[in-house]
């Protein structure tokens, strides 16, 4: 496909890929020890118990999904 106006329009709606360097990522702690909010299991990674310091894109995405789900929990009932 060419780089025409339709592809440029589609590219305008693409969500940028988010990734965090595993060596520098700061994860959110869950209730289960050893598991980050994003689901990663690790013995040694930076952990926080407040969202302001979290840098893991997957932890932040999981939180956003949980918040969106809780906002929609009353729909259809």
Protein backbone atom coordinates (compact mmCIF):
# COMPACT_ATOMS: atom_id res chain seq x y z
CA UNK A 1 0.00 0.00 0.00
CA UNK A 2 1.26 3.47 -0.74
CA UNK A 3 1.89 6.31 1.66
CA UNK A 4 -1.22 8.02 0.40
CA UNK A 5 -3.78 10.13 2.24
CA UNK A 6 -5.79 7.11 3.44
CA UNK A 7 -2.78 5.50 5.10
CA UNK A 8 -1.79 8.83 6.63
CA UNK A 9 -5.31 9.17 8.00
CA UNK A 10 -5.15 5.64 9.48
CA UNK A 11 -1.75 6.36 11.00
CA UNK A 12 -3.30 9.35 12.76
CA UNK A 13 -5.39 6.93 14.85
CA UNK A 14 -2.64 4.49 15.76
CA UNK A 15 -1.82 4.26 19.43
CA UNK A 16 1.90 4.65 20.00
CA UNK A 17 3.63 1.54 21.30
CA UNK A 18 4.58 1.89 24.91
CA UNK A 19 7.37 -0.09 26.39
CA UNK A 20 9.58 0.31 29.38
CA UNK A 21 13.17 -0.78 29.68
CA UNK A 22 13.03 -3.76 32.07
CA UNK A 23 16.24 -2.67 33.78
CA UNK A 24 14.81 0.72 34.74
CA UNK A 25 11.10 -0.02 35.13
CA UNK A 26 9.45 0.65 38.47
CA UNK A 27 6.50 -1.69 39.06
CA UNK A 28 3.45 -1.43 41.30
CA UNK A 29 3.29 -3.93 44.14
CA UNK A 30 0.27 -6.22 44.35
CA UNK A 31 -1.16 -7.99 47.35
CA UNK A 32 0.63 -11.17 46.26
CA UNK A 33 4.32 -10.93 46.97
CA UNK A 34 6.68 -11.27 44.02
CA UNK A 35 4.12 -10.31 41.38
CA UNK A 36 3.84 -6.85 39.91
CA UNK A 37 0.51 -5.27 38.94
CA UNK A 38 1.35 -5.98 35.30
CA UNK A 39 1.73 -9.69 36.09
CA UNK A 40 5.50 -9.95 35.85
CA UNK A 41 7.15 -12.26 38.32
CA UNK A 42 10.59 -11.26 39.44
CA UNK A 43 12.82 -11.69 42.41
CA UNK A 44 14.51 -8.33 42.08
CA UNK A 45 12.76 -5.41 40.46
CA UNK A 46 11.99 -1.93 41.65
CA UNK A 47 8.64 -1.83 43.44
CA UNK A 48 6.48 1.01 44.69
CA UNK A 49 3.32 1.17 46.70
CA UNK A 50 2.11 4.49 45.24
CA UNK A 51 1.23 5.17 41.60
CA UNK A 52 3.11 8.47 41.27
CA UNK A 53 6.50 6.71 41.03
CA UNK A 54 5.48 3.80 38.75
CA UNK A 55 7.16 3.84 35.32
CA UNK A 56 6.18 0.40 33.96
CA UNK A 57 3.92 1.01 30.95
CA UNK A 58 2.20 -2.35 31.47
CA UNK A 59 1.40 -1.62 35.13
CA UNK A 60 -0.07 1.74 34.13
CA UNK A 61 -2.10 0.13 31.34
CA UNK A 62 -3.42 -2.52 33.74
CA UNK A 63 -4.47 0.20 36.17
CA UNK A 64 -6.22 2.15 33.40
CA UNK A 65 -8.08 -1.00 32.33
CA UNK A 66 -9.15 -1.70 35.91
CA UNK A 67 -10.39 1.86 36.35
CA UNK A 68 -12.29 1.73 33.06
CA UNK A 69 -13.85 -1.59 34.03
CA UNK A 70 -14.92 -0.27 37.43
CA UNK A 71 -16.48 2.79 35.74
CA UNK A 72 -18.47 0.50 33.43
CA UNK A 73 -19.52 -1.95 36.16
CA UNK A 74 -22.94 -0.31 36.56
CA UNK A 75 -23.84 -0.44 32.86
CA UNK A 76 -26.63 -2.83 31.98
CA UNK A 77 -27.70 -3.56 35.51
